[in-house]
C-alpha atoms as a PDB file:
ATOM      1  CA  MET A   1      -4.181  11.921  -0.278  1.00  0.00           C
ATOM      2  CA  SER A   2      -4.073  10.024  -3.888  1.00  0.00           C
ATOM      3  CA  MET A   3      -0.545  10.707  -5.270  1.00  0.00           C
ATOM      4  CA  LEU A   4      -0.763  13.082  -8.182  1.00  0.00           C
ATOM      5  CA  GLY A   5      -4.517  11.360  -8.739  1.00  0.00           C
ATOM      6  CA  ASP A   6      -3.199   8.321  -8.809  1.00  0.00           C
ATOM      7  CA  SER A   7      -4.799   5.606  -6.693  1.00  0.00           C
ATOM      8  CA  TRP A   8      -2.247   2.720  -7.207  1.00  0.00           C
ATOM      9  CA  CYS A   9       1.419   2.529  -6.561  1.00  0.00           C
ATOM     10  CA  THR A  10       4.634   0.294  -6.327  1.00  0.00           C
ATOM     11  CA  VAL A  11       5.417  -1.431  -2.704  1.00  0.00           C
ATOM     12  CA  GLU A  12       8.834   0.080  -3.757  1.00  0.00           C
ATOM     13  CA  GLU A  13       7.130   3.639  -3.828  1.00  0.00           C
ATOM     14  CA  VAL A  14       5.198   3.148  -0.446  1.00  0.00           C
ATOM     15  CA  GLU A  15       8.338   2.171   0.501  1.00  0.00           C
ATOM     16  CA  SER A  16      10.154   5.555   0.089  1.00  0.00           C
ATOM     17  CA  LYS A  17       7.077   7.773   0.076  1.00  0.00           C
ATOM     18  CA  PHE A  18       5.433   6.843   3.200  1.00  0.00           C
ATOM     19  CA  GLY A  19       8.104   4.898   5.124  1.00  0.00           C
ATOM     20  CA  VAL A  20       6.349   1.553   5.647  1.00  0.00           C
ATOM     21  CA  SER A  21       7.893  -1.457   4.942  1.00  0.00           C
ATOM     22  CA  LYS A  22       7.360  -3.821   2.035  1.00  0.00           C
ATOM     23  CA  ASP A  23       7.225  -6.721   4.991  1.00  0.00           C
ATOM     24  CA  LEU A  24       3.903  -4.693   6.696  1.00  0.00           C
ATOM     25  CA  VAL A  25       2.185  -3.721   3.592  1.00  0.00           C
ATOM     26  CA  LEU A  26       2.322  -7.496   2.388  1.00  0.00           C
ATOM     27  CA  GLU A  27       1.217  -8.387   6.303  1.00  0.00           C
ATOM     28  CA  TRP A  28      -1.889  -6.325   5.107  1.00  0.00           C
ATOM     29  CA  ILE A  29      -2.270  -7.076   1.595  1.00  0.00           C
ATOM     30  CA  LYS A  30      -2.698 -11.050   3.326  1.00  0.00           C
ATOM     31  CA  GLU A  31      -4.760  -9.410   5.854  1.00  0.00           C
ATOM     32  CA  GLY A  32      -7.357  -7.942   3.371  1.00  0.00           C
ATOM     33  CA  ILE A  33      -6.644  -4.400   4.962  1.00  0.00           C
ATOM     34  CA  VAL A  34      -5.078  -3.109   2.074  1.00  0.00           C
ATOM     35  CA  ARG A  35      -5.822  -4.028  -1.875  1.00  0.00           C
ATOM     36  CA  SER A  36      -3.198  -5.001  -4.378  1.00  0.00           C
ATOM     37  CA  GLU A  37      -2.840  -5.932  -8.195  1.00  0.00           C
ATOM     38  CA  ASP A  38      -0.848  -8.843  -9.017  1.00  0.00           C
ATOM     39  CA  LYS A  39       1.183  -9.164 -11.713  1.00  0.00           C
ATOM     40  CA  ASP A  40       2.579 -12.683 -12.839  1.00  0.00           C
ATOM     41  CA  GLY A  41       1.821 -13.846  -9.172  1.00  0.00           C
ATOM     42  CA  MET A  42       3.794 -11.162  -7.338  1.00  0.00           C
ATOM     43  CA  VAL A  43       2.116  -8.058  -5.871  1.00  0.00           C
ATOM     44  CA  PHE A  44       2.434  -5.211  -8.494  1.00  0.00           C
ATOM     45  CA  ARG A  45       0.501  -1.839  -7.070  1.00  0.00           C
ATOM     46  CA  VAL A  46      -1.246  -1.599  -3.651  1.00  0.00           C
ATOM     47  CA  ASN A  47      -4.211   0.909  -3.556  1.00  0.00           C
ATOM     48  CA  VAL A  48      -3.269   4.438  -1.907  1.00  0.00           C
ATOM     49  CA  ASP A  49      -6.640   4.889  -0.390  1.00  0.00           C
ATOM     50  CA  ASP A  50      -6.426   2.213   1.680  1.00  0.00           C
ATOM     51  CA  LEU A  51      -2.681   2.266   2.926  1.00  0.00           C
ATOM     52  CA  VAL A  52      -3.254   6.111   4.127  1.00  0.00           C
ATOM     53  CA  MET A  53      -6.697   5.146   5.981  1.00  0.00           C
ATOM     54  CA  LYS A  54      -4.443   1.882   7.984  1.00  0.00           C
ATOM     55  CA  ILE A  55      -1.342   4.662   8.130  1.00  0.00           C
ATOM     56  CA  GLU A  56      -3.818   7.086   9.873  1.00  0.00           C
ATOM     57  CA  GLU A  57      -5.317   4.091  11.894  1.00  0.00           C
ATOM     58  CA  ASN A  58      -2.355   3.109  13.237  1.00  0.00           C
ATOM     59  CA  LEU A  59      -0.705   7.354  14.470  1.00  0.00           C
ATOM     60  CA  GLY A  60      -4.486   8.026  15.978  1.00  0.00           C
END
């Protein structure tokens, strides 16, 4: 389930669209579960496909 064909979104978009806290997303990034892109040393975008797989895994 990609958002409008884009497989990347900001952490803020994740919080508003998926209801997953920024802290949890950052933890998943740290654990290597969700890929991310950095900009100026900060997480800029996260991979939506990775995120959806992790959310579905937690619901299953």
